[in-house]
Amino acid sequence: MTRPVLYLIATAAGPAQHVDAGIRAAQAAGWDTCLFLTPTAATWWADAMAELKSLTGHPVRHRYTLPGQSGGLPEADAMLVAPLTTTSACKWAAGITDTVALGVPAEAVHLGVPVVAAPFWSTALGAQPAVGRAVETLRGQGVRVVFTEGEPHAPKQGDATGFGWDQALGEVRRVLGAVVG
C-alpha cells in the first residue's frame, strides 16, 4: 500500500530553519512528504538542499517550473502550509501567487485538496487588521487555519525549535479523514 502524499509548504518564519523536523514528523506519521519552500526560506537551506531532497526522496520545489516541465512530484492527498507568515497569509488571501509555495495551495484548495495552514507570527504582527482579514478569507475558501500551541507568540518570543509540527499534522489527518470518511 502506498503512503498518502503530503505537500509540506514552509514560508520564511523561524520554524522553516528546522523544516527537517517537520519532514521527519510527517514521515513518522506515515506521510510521503514533498517539500516546497518560499524563495527566502530556500536561501536558508541553500547549502543543505541536497540533504532535504535525500530526506524526502523528492525534488525540493522553491520556484515555478517552466511551462511544459514537470515538477517531479506525486499528486498531493493533502497540504500543510507551515510555518505560515503574516506576509504569506496576506498575499495568499489576496490571490497573489508569485511563488510556487503560495500558488500550489491557493489552487489546490479550490480543487478539493485538503489544505491546513499553521501560522507562526507575533501578536504585534497579527494585530495588523489585514492579517485577521486574511485568516478569515483563507478560512472562507476552505483552508483550515490552525494556531498551534503558543501561537501567536509575544514579539521576539517565538519558539522556532518547538513549533507544533505534530499538532499541525494531526489537524491535516483530521481534515483528510473528514474529506475521505
N, C-alpha and C. Protein backbone atom coordinates (compact mmCIF):
# COMPACT_ATOMS: atom_id res chain seq x y z
N MET A 1 0.83 -1.18 0.00
CA MET A 1 0.00 0.00 0.00
C MET A 1 0.88 1.24 0.00
N THR A 2 0.52 2.22 -0.80
CA THR A 2 1.31 3.44 -0.86
C THR A 2 0.90 4.40 0.25
N ARG A 3 1.86 5.17 0.69
CA ARG A 3 1.60 6.16 1.73
C ARG A 3 0.90 7.36 1.11
N PRO A 4 0.03 8.03 1.86
CA PRO A 4 -0.58 9.26 1.35
C PRO A 4 0.50 10.33 1.19
N VAL A 5 0.29 11.20 0.21
CA VAL A 5 1.28 12.23 -0.11
C VAL A 5 0.88 13.56 0.54
N LEU A 6 1.82 14.12 1.28
CA LEU A 6 1.64 15.43 1.90
C LEU A 6 2.61 16.41 1.28
N TYR A 7 2.09 17.55 0.83
CA TYR A 7 2.95 18.65 0.45
C TYR A 7 3.13 19.51 1.69
N LEU A 8 4.34 19.60 2.18
CA LEU A 8 4.70 20.47 3.29
C LEU A 8 5.28 21.73 2.67
N ILE A 9 4.64 22.86 2.96
CA ILE A 9 4.99 24.13 2.33
C ILE A 9 5.41 25.10 3.42
N ALA A 10 6.69 25.47 3.44
CA ALA A 10 7.23 26.30 4.50
C ALA A 10 7.53 27.70 3.98
N THR A 11 6.95 28.70 4.67
CA THR A 11 7.27 30.09 4.35
C THR A 11 8.36 30.56 5.32
N ALA A 12 8.87 31.75 5.10
CA ALA A 12 10.09 32.21 5.78
C ALA A 12 9.85 32.71 7.20
N ALA A 13 9.45 31.82 8.07
CA ALA A 13 9.36 32.08 9.51
C ALA A 13 10.37 31.18 10.20
N GLY A 14 10.68 31.49 11.43
CA GLY A 14 11.71 30.76 12.17
C GLY A 14 11.68 29.25 12.06
N PRO A 15 10.51 28.61 12.20
CA PRO A 15 10.49 27.15 12.11
C PRO A 15 10.94 26.58 10.75
N ALA A 16 10.94 27.40 9.72
CA ALA A 16 11.42 26.92 8.41
C ALA A 16 12.90 26.57 8.48
N GLN A 17 13.61 27.15 9.43
CA GLN A 17 15.02 26.80 9.63
C GLN A 17 15.16 25.38 10.16
N HIS A 18 14.05 24.82 10.65
CA HIS A 18 14.04 23.47 11.22
C HIS A 18 13.01 22.60 10.50
N VAL A 19 12.78 22.89 9.23
CA VAL A 19 11.75 22.16 8.48
C VAL A 19 12.07 20.68 8.38
N ASP A 20 13.32 20.33 8.54
CA ASP A 20 13.66 18.90 8.55
C ASP A 20 12.95 18.19 9.69
N ALA A 21 12.73 18.87 10.81
CA ALA A 21 11.97 18.28 11.92
C ALA A 21 10.52 18.06 11.50
N GLY A 22 9.97 18.99 10.75
CA GLY A 22 8.61 18.84 10.23
C GLY A 22 8.50 17.68 9.26
N ILE A 23 9.51 17.53 8.42
CA ILE A 23 9.53 16.42 7.47
C ILE A 23 9.57 15.09 8.22
N ARG A 24 10.46 15.01 9.19
CA ARG A 24 10.58 13.76 9.97
C ARG A 24 9.29 13.45 10.72
N ALA A 25 8.65 14.47 11.27
CA ALA A 25 7.38 14.26 11.97
C ALA A 25 6.31 13.76 11.00
N ALA A 26 6.26 14.32 9.81
CA ALA A 26 5.29 13.89 8.81
C ALA A 26 5.57 12.45 8.38
N GLN A 27 6.82 12.13 8.18
CA GLN A 27 7.16 10.77 7.78
C GLN A 27 6.84 9.78 8.89
N ALA A 28 7.09 10.16 10.14
CA ALA A 28 6.76 9.28 11.27
C ALA A 28 5.25 9.06 11.37
N ALA A 29 4.48 10.03 10.89
CA ALA A 29 3.02 9.91 10.89
C ALA A 29 2.50 9.17 9.66
N GLY A 30 3.41 8.70 8.81
CA GLY A 30 3.02 7.87 7.68
C GLY A 30 2.89 8.58 6.34
N TRP A 31 3.32 9.82 6.25
CA TRP A 31 3.20 10.57 5.01
C TRP A 31 4.42 10.41 4.11
N ASP A 32 4.19 10.31 2.82
CA ASP A 32 5.22 10.51 1.81
C ASP A 32 5.27 12.02 1.63
N THR A 33 6.34 12.65 2.06
CA THR A 33 6.38 14.10 2.20
C THR A 33 7.19 14.76 1.10
N CYS A 34 6.56 15.74 0.45
CA CYS A 34 7.21 16.56 -0.56
C CYS A 34 7.32 17.97 0.01
N LEU A 35 8.44 18.63 -0.23
CA LEU A 35 8.71 19.92 0.38
C LEU A 35 8.71 21.05 -0.64
N PHE A 36 8.02 22.14 -0.26
CA PHE A 36 8.05 23.39 -1.01
C PHE A 36 8.55 24.46 -0.05
N LEU A 37 9.37 25.37 -0.54
CA LEU A 37 9.88 26.48 0.25
C LEU A 37 9.64 27.78 -0.49
N THR A 38 9.38 28.85 0.25
CA THR A 38 9.38 30.17 -0.39
C THR A 38 10.82 30.48 -0.79
N PRO A 39 11.01 31.43 -1.69
CA PRO A 39 12.39 31.75 -2.09
C PRO A 39 13.28 32.14 -0.92
N THR A 40 12.77 32.90 0.03
CA THR A 40 13.59 33.27 1.19
C THR A 40 13.93 32.05 2.03
N ALA A 41 12.95 31.22 2.32
CA ALA A 41 13.23 30.00 3.10
C ALA A 41 14.23 29.11 2.37
N ALA A 42 14.17 29.09 1.06
CA ALA A 42 15.12 28.28 0.28
C ALA A 42 16.55 28.78 0.45
N THR A 43 16.72 30.10 0.61
CA THR A 43 18.09 30.60 0.81
C THR A 43 18.66 30.12 2.13
N TRP A 44 17.80 29.91 3.12
CA TRP A 44 18.27 29.42 4.41
C TRP A 44 18.80 27.99 4.30
N TRP A 45 18.30 27.25 3.32
CA TRP A 45 18.69 25.86 3.13
C TRP A 45 19.59 25.65 1.91
N ALA A 46 20.06 26.74 1.32
CA ALA A 46 20.82 26.65 0.07
C ALA A 46 21.98 25.65 0.15
N ASP A 47 22.70 25.64 1.24
CA ASP A 47 23.84 24.74 1.38
C ASP A 47 23.45 23.32 1.76
N ALA A 48 22.17 23.11 2.07
CA ALA A 48 21.72 21.78 2.52
C ALA A 48 20.52 21.29 1.71
N MET A 49 20.32 21.84 0.53
CA MET A 49 19.18 21.43 -0.29
C MET A 49 19.25 19.94 -0.64
N ALA A 50 20.45 19.44 -0.88
CA ALA A 50 20.61 18.01 -1.18
C ALA A 50 20.18 17.16 0.02
N GLU A 51 20.43 17.64 1.22
CA GLU A 51 20.01 16.92 2.43
C GLU A 51 18.48 16.82 2.49
N LEU A 52 17.79 17.91 2.17
CA LEU A 52 16.33 17.90 2.17
C LEU A 52 15.79 16.98 1.08
N LYS A 53 16.42 17.00 -0.08
CA LYS A 53 16.00 16.11 -1.17
C LYS A 53 16.19 14.65 -0.76
N SER A 54 17.30 14.36 -0.13
CA SER A 54 17.56 12.99 0.33
C SER A 54 16.56 12.58 1.40
N LEU A 55 16.25 13.50 2.29
CA LEU A 55 15.31 13.21 3.38
C LEU A 55 13.91 12.90 2.85
N THR A 56 13.45 13.68 1.87
CA THR A 56 12.10 13.48 1.33
C THR A 56 12.06 12.43 0.23
N GLY A 57 13.17 12.27 -0.48
CA GLY A 57 13.18 11.37 -1.65
C GLY A 57 12.57 12.03 -2.87
N HIS A 58 12.37 13.34 -2.81
CA HIS A 58 11.76 14.10 -3.90
C HIS A 58 12.53 15.39 -4.13
N PRO A 59 12.40 15.97 -5.32
CA PRO A 59 12.96 17.31 -5.51
C PRO A 59 12.30 18.30 -4.55
N VAL A 60 13.06 19.27 -4.10
CA VAL A 60 12.53 20.34 -3.26
C VAL A 60 12.16 21.49 -4.18
N ARG A 61 10.91 21.90 -4.13
CA ARG A 61 10.43 22.97 -5.01
C ARG A 61 10.50 24.30 -4.30
N HIS A 62 11.10 25.29 -4.96
CA HIS A 62 11.13 26.64 -4.41
C HIS A 62 10.94 27.70 -5.48
N ARG A 63 10.69 27.25 -6.69
CA ARG A 63 10.34 28.17 -7.78
C ARG A 63 9.47 27.42 -8.78
N TYR A 64 8.74 28.19 -9.54
CA TYR A 64 7.89 27.58 -10.57
C TYR A 64 8.75 26.92 -11.63
N THR A 65 8.23 25.85 -12.22
CA THR A 65 8.89 25.22 -13.36
C THR A 65 8.50 25.99 -14.62
N LEU A 66 9.22 25.74 -15.68
CA LEU A 66 8.89 26.35 -16.97
C LEU A 66 7.64 25.68 -17.53
N PRO A 67 6.88 26.37 -18.35
CA PRO A 67 5.70 25.74 -18.97
C PRO A 67 6.08 24.43 -19.66
N GLY A 68 5.30 23.42 -19.41
CA GLY A 68 5.53 22.11 -20.01
C GLY A 68 6.46 21.22 -19.21
N GLN A 69 7.14 21.76 -18.21
CA GLN A 69 8.02 20.95 -17.37
C GLN A 69 7.24 20.35 -16.22
N SER A 70 7.66 19.18 -15.79
CA SER A 70 7.06 18.54 -14.63
C SER A 70 7.84 18.96 -13.40
N GLY A 71 7.13 19.08 -12.29
CA GLY A 71 7.81 19.37 -11.03
C GLY A 71 8.41 18.13 -10.41
N GLY A 72 8.10 16.96 -10.98
CA GLY A 72 8.68 15.72 -10.50
C GLY A 72 8.12 15.21 -9.19
N LEU A 73 6.91 15.64 -8.83
CA LEU A 73 6.32 15.23 -7.56
C LEU A 73 5.02 14.45 -7.78
N PRO A 74 4.73 13.52 -6.88
CA PRO A 74 3.44 12.84 -6.96
C PRO A 74 2.32 13.81 -6.58
N GLU A 75 1.10 13.47 -6.95
CA GLU A 75 -0.05 14.31 -6.62
C GLU A 75 -0.30 14.28 -5.11
N ALA A 76 -0.65 15.44 -4.56
CA ALA A 76 -0.85 15.55 -3.11
C ALA A 76 -2.23 15.04 -2.70
N ASP A 77 -2.25 14.35 -1.57
CA ASP A 77 -3.51 13.99 -0.92
C ASP A 77 -3.94 15.08 0.04
N ALA A 78 -2.97 15.84 0.55
CA ALA A 78 -3.23 16.94 1.47
C ALA A 78 -2.03 17.86 1.48
N MET A 79 -2.24 19.08 2.00
CA MET A 79 -1.16 20.06 2.09
C MET A 79 -1.15 20.70 3.46
N LEU A 80 0.06 20.97 3.94
CA LEU A 80 0.25 21.69 5.19
C LEU A 80 1.18 22.86 4.90
N VAL A 81 0.66 24.07 5.06
CA VAL A 81 1.46 25.27 4.91
C VAL A 81 1.90 25.67 6.31
N ALA A 82 3.15 25.37 6.63
CA ALA A 82 3.67 25.60 7.97
C ALA A 82 5.18 25.71 7.92
N PRO A 83 5.74 26.70 8.54
CA PRO A 83 5.05 27.81 9.17
C PRO A 83 4.52 28.79 8.13
N LEU A 84 3.44 29.46 8.49
CA LEU A 84 2.85 30.49 7.63
C LEU A 84 3.12 31.85 8.25
N THR A 85 3.70 32.76 7.46
CA THR A 85 3.97 34.12 7.93
C THR A 85 2.78 35.02 7.65
N THR A 86 2.78 36.19 8.28
CA THR A 86 1.72 37.17 8.01
C THR A 86 1.80 37.64 6.56
N THR A 87 3.00 37.84 6.06
CA THR A 87 3.16 38.29 4.67
C THR A 87 2.56 37.27 3.72
N SER A 88 2.89 36.01 3.91
CA SER A 88 2.37 34.97 3.01
C SER A 88 0.86 34.81 3.16
N ALA A 89 0.34 34.92 4.38
CA ALA A 89 -1.11 34.83 4.59
C ALA A 89 -1.82 35.94 3.83
N CYS A 90 -1.31 37.15 3.94
CA CYS A 90 -1.95 38.29 3.27
C CYS A 90 -1.86 38.18 1.75
N LYS A 91 -0.70 37.78 1.25
CA LYS A 91 -0.56 37.61 -0.20
C LYS A 91 -1.50 36.51 -0.71
N TRP A 92 -1.51 35.37 -0.04
CA TRP A 92 -2.34 34.24 -0.44
C TRP A 92 -3.81 34.65 -0.44
N ALA A 93 -4.26 35.29 0.61
CA ALA A 93 -5.66 35.70 0.71
C ALA A 93 -6.03 36.72 -0.38
N ALA A 94 -5.06 37.50 -0.80
CA ALA A 94 -5.30 38.50 -1.85
C ALA A 94 -5.18 37.90 -3.25
N GLY A 95 -4.84 36.61 -3.34
CA GLY A 95 -4.71 35.97 -4.64
C GLY A 95 -3.38 36.22 -5.31
N ILE A 96 -2.39 36.67 -4.56
CA ILE A 96 -1.06 36.92 -5.12
C ILE A 96 -0.25 35.64 -4.99
N THR A 97 -0.04 34.98 -6.10
CA THR A 97 0.63 33.67 -6.11
C THR A 97 1.93 33.76 -6.89
N ASP A 98 2.75 34.70 -6.50
CA ASP A 98 4.01 34.93 -7.20
C ASP A 98 5.09 33.92 -6.86
N THR A 99 4.85 33.06 -5.90
CA THR A 99 5.79 31.99 -5.58
C THR A 99 5.05 30.65 -5.67
N VAL A 100 5.78 29.61 -6.00
CA VAL A 100 5.18 28.28 -6.08
C VAL A 100 4.63 27.85 -4.72
N ALA A 101 5.27 28.33 -3.64
CA ALA A 101 4.82 27.98 -2.30
C ALA A 101 3.44 28.56 -1.98
N LEU A 102 3.04 29.61 -2.64
CA LEU A 102 1.69 30.16 -2.47
C LEU A 102 0.75 29.69 -3.58
N GLY A 103 1.26 29.55 -4.78
CA GLY A 103 0.41 29.16 -5.91
C GLY A 103 -0.14 27.76 -5.78
N VAL A 104 0.66 26.84 -5.30
CA VAL A 104 0.22 25.44 -5.20
C VAL A 104 -0.95 25.28 -4.23
N PRO A 105 -0.86 25.77 -2.98
CA PRO A 105 -2.02 25.61 -2.09
C PRO A 105 -3.21 26.49 -2.48
N ALA A 106 -2.94 27.65 -3.07
CA ALA A 106 -4.03 28.53 -3.49
C ALA A 106 -4.91 27.86 -4.53
N GLU A 107 -4.30 27.12 -5.43
CA GLU A 107 -5.05 26.38 -6.44
C GLU A 107 -5.67 25.12 -5.85
N ALA A 108 -4.90 24.42 -5.04
CA ALA A 108 -5.32 23.11 -4.54
C ALA A 108 -6.61 23.18 -3.73
N VAL A 109 -6.74 24.20 -2.89
CA VAL A 109 -7.93 24.28 -2.04
C VAL A 109 -9.20 24.39 -2.89
N HIS A 110 -9.09 24.95 -4.09
CA HIS A 110 -10.25 25.08 -4.97
C HIS A 110 -10.42 23.85 -5.88
N LEU A 111 -9.50 22.91 -5.76
CA LEU A 111 -9.60 21.64 -6.48
C LEU A 111 -10.00 20.50 -5.55
N GLY A 112 -10.31 20.85 -4.30
CA GLY A 112 -10.77 19.84 -3.35
C GLY A 112 -9.68 19.17 -2.54
N VAL A 113 -8.44 19.63 -2.64
CA VAL A 113 -7.36 19.06 -1.85
C VAL A 113 -7.41 19.69 -0.45
N PRO A 114 -7.43 18.90 0.61
CA PRO A 114 -7.43 19.47 1.95
C PRO A 114 -6.15 20.27 2.21
N VAL A 115 -6.32 21.50 2.68
CA VAL A 115 -5.18 22.38 2.95
C VAL A 115 -5.32 22.92 4.38
N VAL A 116 -4.26 22.72 5.16
CA VAL A 116 -4.17 23.24 6.53
C VAL A 116 -3.02 24.24 6.55
N ALA A 117 -3.21 25.33 7.26
CA ALA A 117 -2.15 26.32 7.44
C ALA A 117 -1.93 26.53 8.93
N ALA A 118 -0.67 26.52 9.34
CA ALA A 118 -0.30 26.71 10.74
C ALA A 118 0.60 27.94 10.84
N PRO A 119 0.03 29.07 11.27
CA PRO A 119 0.81 30.30 11.36
C PRO A 119 1.89 30.27 12.45
N PHE A 120 2.90 31.07 12.21
CA PHE A 120 3.94 31.37 13.20
C PHE A 120 4.21 32.85 13.07
N TRP A 121 3.59 33.62 13.98
CA TRP A 121 3.83 35.06 13.96
C TRP A 121 3.59 35.66 15.33
N SER A 122 4.07 36.87 15.50
CA SER A 122 3.93 37.55 16.78
C SER A 122 2.56 38.21 16.90
N THR A 123 2.17 38.46 18.14
CA THR A 123 0.92 39.15 18.38
C THR A 123 0.95 40.56 17.79
N ALA A 124 2.11 41.17 17.73
CA ALA A 124 2.23 42.51 17.15
C ALA A 124 1.94 42.47 15.65
N LEU A 125 2.53 41.53 14.94
CA LEU A 125 2.24 41.40 13.51
C LEU A 125 0.80 40.95 13.28
N GLY A 126 0.34 40.04 14.09
CA GLY A 126 -1.03 39.54 13.94
C GLY A 126 -2.08 40.58 14.25
N ALA A 127 -1.70 41.66 14.95
CA ALA A 127 -2.65 42.73 15.28
C ALA A 127 -2.98 43.62 14.08
N GLN A 128 -2.19 43.52 13.03
CA GLN A 128 -2.49 44.30 11.84
C GLN A 128 -3.84 43.86 11.29
N PRO A 129 -4.76 44.78 11.03
CA PRO A 129 -6.10 44.40 10.57
C PRO A 129 -6.09 43.52 9.31
N ALA A 130 -5.14 43.72 8.44
CA ALA A 130 -5.08 42.92 7.21
C ALA A 130 -4.84 41.45 7.51
N VAL A 131 -4.13 41.16 8.58
CA VAL A 131 -3.81 39.77 8.92
C VAL A 131 -5.08 39.02 9.33
N GLY A 132 -5.87 39.60 10.21
CA GLY A 132 -7.12 38.97 10.61
C GLY A 132 -8.06 38.77 9.43
N ARG A 133 -8.11 39.76 8.56
CA ARG A 133 -8.95 39.61 7.35
C ARG A 133 -8.43 38.50 6.46
N ALA A 134 -7.11 38.38 6.35
CA ALA A 134 -6.51 37.32 5.53
C ALA A 134 -6.87 35.94 6.08
N VAL A 135 -6.77 35.77 7.40
CA VAL A 135 -7.11 34.48 8.02
C VAL A 135 -8.56 34.14 7.73
N GLU A 136 -9.45 35.10 7.89
CA GLU A 136 -10.87 34.84 7.62
C GLU A 136 -11.12 34.55 6.14
N THR A 137 -10.43 35.24 5.25
CA THR A 137 -10.56 34.98 3.81
C THR A 137 -10.11 33.57 3.49
N LEU A 138 -8.97 33.16 4.03
CA LEU A 138 -8.47 31.80 3.79
C LEU A 138 -9.45 30.77 4.33
N ARG A 139 -9.95 30.99 5.53
CA ARG A 139 -10.93 30.06 6.09
C ARG A 139 -12.18 30.01 5.23
N GLY A 140 -12.60 31.14 4.72
CA GLY A 140 -13.78 31.19 3.85
C GLY A 140 -13.61 30.43 2.55
N GLN A 141 -12.36 30.25 2.14
CA GLN A 141 -12.07 29.49 0.93
C GLN A 141 -11.93 28.00 1.22
N GLY A 142 -11.94 27.63 2.48
CA GLY A 142 -11.82 26.22 2.84
C GLY A 142 -10.49 25.82 3.43
N VAL A 143 -9.57 26.77 3.61
CA VAL A 143 -8.30 26.46 4.25
C VAL A 143 -8.54 26.34 5.76
N ARG A 144 -8.04 25.28 6.36
CA ARG A 144 -8.14 25.12 7.81
C ARG A 144 -6.94 25.82 8.42
N VAL A 145 -7.15 26.97 9.01
CA VAL A 145 -6.08 27.72 9.67
C VAL A 145 -6.11 27.34 11.14
N VAL A 146 -5.02 26.76 11.61
CA VAL A 146 -4.94 26.30 13.00
C VAL A 146 -3.71 26.91 13.66
N PHE A 147 -3.94 27.57 14.77
CA PHE A 147 -2.84 28.13 15.55
C PHE A 147 -2.39 27.06 16.54
N THR A 148 -1.16 26.59 16.37
CA THR A 148 -0.64 25.57 17.27
C THR A 148 -0.35 26.19 18.64
N GLU A 149 -0.10 25.35 19.61
CA GLU A 149 0.14 25.83 20.97
C GLU A 149 1.26 26.88 20.98
N GLY A 150 0.99 27.99 21.65
CA GLY A 150 1.98 29.07 21.75
C GLY A 150 1.88 30.10 20.65
N GLU A 151 0.98 29.89 19.71
CA GLU A 151 0.83 30.84 18.60
C GLU A 151 -0.51 31.54 18.68
N PRO A 152 -0.55 32.82 18.33
CA PRO A 152 0.62 33.64 18.04
C PRO A 152 1.42 33.88 19.32
N HIS A 153 2.68 34.21 19.15
CA HIS A 153 3.58 34.39 20.29
C HIS A 153 3.85 35.88 20.53
N ALA A 154 4.31 36.19 21.71
CA ALA A 154 4.71 37.56 22.03
C ALA A 154 5.88 37.96 21.13
N PRO A 155 6.00 39.24 20.80
CA PRO A 155 7.10 39.68 19.95
C PRO A 155 8.46 39.22 20.47
N LYS A 156 9.24 38.70 19.55
CA LYS A 156 10.60 38.21 19.84
C LYS A 156 10.62 37.02 20.79
N GLN A 157 9.48 36.35 20.97
CA GLN A 157 9.39 35.23 21.92
C GLN A 157 8.99 33.91 21.24
N GLY A 158 8.95 33.88 19.93
CA GLY A 158 8.56 32.65 19.24
C GLY A 158 9.56 31.53 19.44
N ASP A 159 9.05 30.33 19.57
CA ASP A 159 9.90 29.15 19.77
C ASP A 159 9.99 28.38 18.46
N ALA A 160 10.94 28.78 17.63
CA ALA A 160 11.09 28.16 16.31
C ALA A 160 11.42 26.68 16.39
N THR A 161 12.19 26.29 17.40
CA THR A 161 12.56 24.88 17.50
C THR A 161 11.45 24.03 18.11
N GLY A 162 10.54 24.67 18.84
CA GLY A 162 9.44 23.95 19.47
C GLY A 162 8.12 24.09 18.72
N PHE A 163 8.19 24.44 17.44
CA PHE A 163 6.98 24.63 16.64
C PHE A 163 6.10 23.37 16.70
N GLY A 164 4.81 23.54 16.67
CA GLY A 164 3.85 22.45 16.83
C GLY A 164 3.62 21.61 15.59
N TRP A 165 4.67 20.99 15.07
CA TRP A 165 4.54 20.15 13.87
C TRP A 165 3.51 19.05 14.09
N ASP A 166 3.60 18.34 15.21
CA ASP A 166 2.69 17.22 15.45
C ASP A 166 1.24 17.69 15.54
N GLN A 167 1.01 18.81 16.18
CA GLN A 167 -0.35 19.35 16.28
C GLN A 167 -0.89 19.72 14.89
N ALA A 168 -0.06 20.37 14.08
CA ALA A 168 -0.48 20.75 12.73
C ALA A 168 -0.74 19.50 11.88
N LEU A 169 0.12 18.51 12.00
CA LEU A 169 -0.07 17.27 11.23
C LEU A 169 -1.33 16.53 11.69
N GLY A 170 -1.62 16.58 12.97
CA GLY A 170 -2.85 15.97 13.47
C GLY A 170 -4.08 16.62 12.85
N GLU A 171 -4.02 17.93 12.66
CA GLU A 171 -5.13 18.64 12.02
C GLU A 171 -5.26 18.23 10.56
N VAL A 172 -4.14 18.03 9.89
CA VAL A 172 -4.20 17.55 8.50
C VAL A 172 -4.88 16.19 8.45
N ARG A 173 -4.51 15.31 9.35
CA ARG A 173 -5.10 13.97 9.41
C ARG A 173 -6.60 14.07 9.66
N ARG A 174 -7.02 14.94 10.57
CA ARG A 174 -8.46 15.12 10.83
C ARG A 174 -9.20 15.66 9.62
N VAL A 175 -8.62 16.64 8.95
CA VAL A 175 -9.25 17.22 7.76
C VAL A 175 -9.32 16.18 6.66
N LEU A 176 -8.25 15.44 6.47
CA LEU A 176 -8.24 14.41 5.43
C LEU A 176 -9.27 13.33 5.74
N GLY A 177 -9.37 12.95 7.01
CA GLY A 177 -10.37 11.96 7.42
C GLY A 177 -11.77 12.44 7.17
N ALA A 178 -12.00 13.74 7.41
CA ALA A 178 -13.33 14.31 7.18
C ALA A 178 -13.66 14.32 5.71
N VAL A 179 -12.65 14.51 4.86
CA VAL A 179 -12.88 14.54 3.42
C VAL A 179 -13.06 13.12 2.88
N VAL A 180 -12.21 12.20 3.36
CA VAL A 180 -12.25 10.82 2.87
C VAL A 180 -13.37 10.05 3.51
N GLY A 181 -13.60 10.27 4.82
CA GLY A 181 -14.56 9.48 5.58
C GLY A 181 -15.97 9.79 5.36
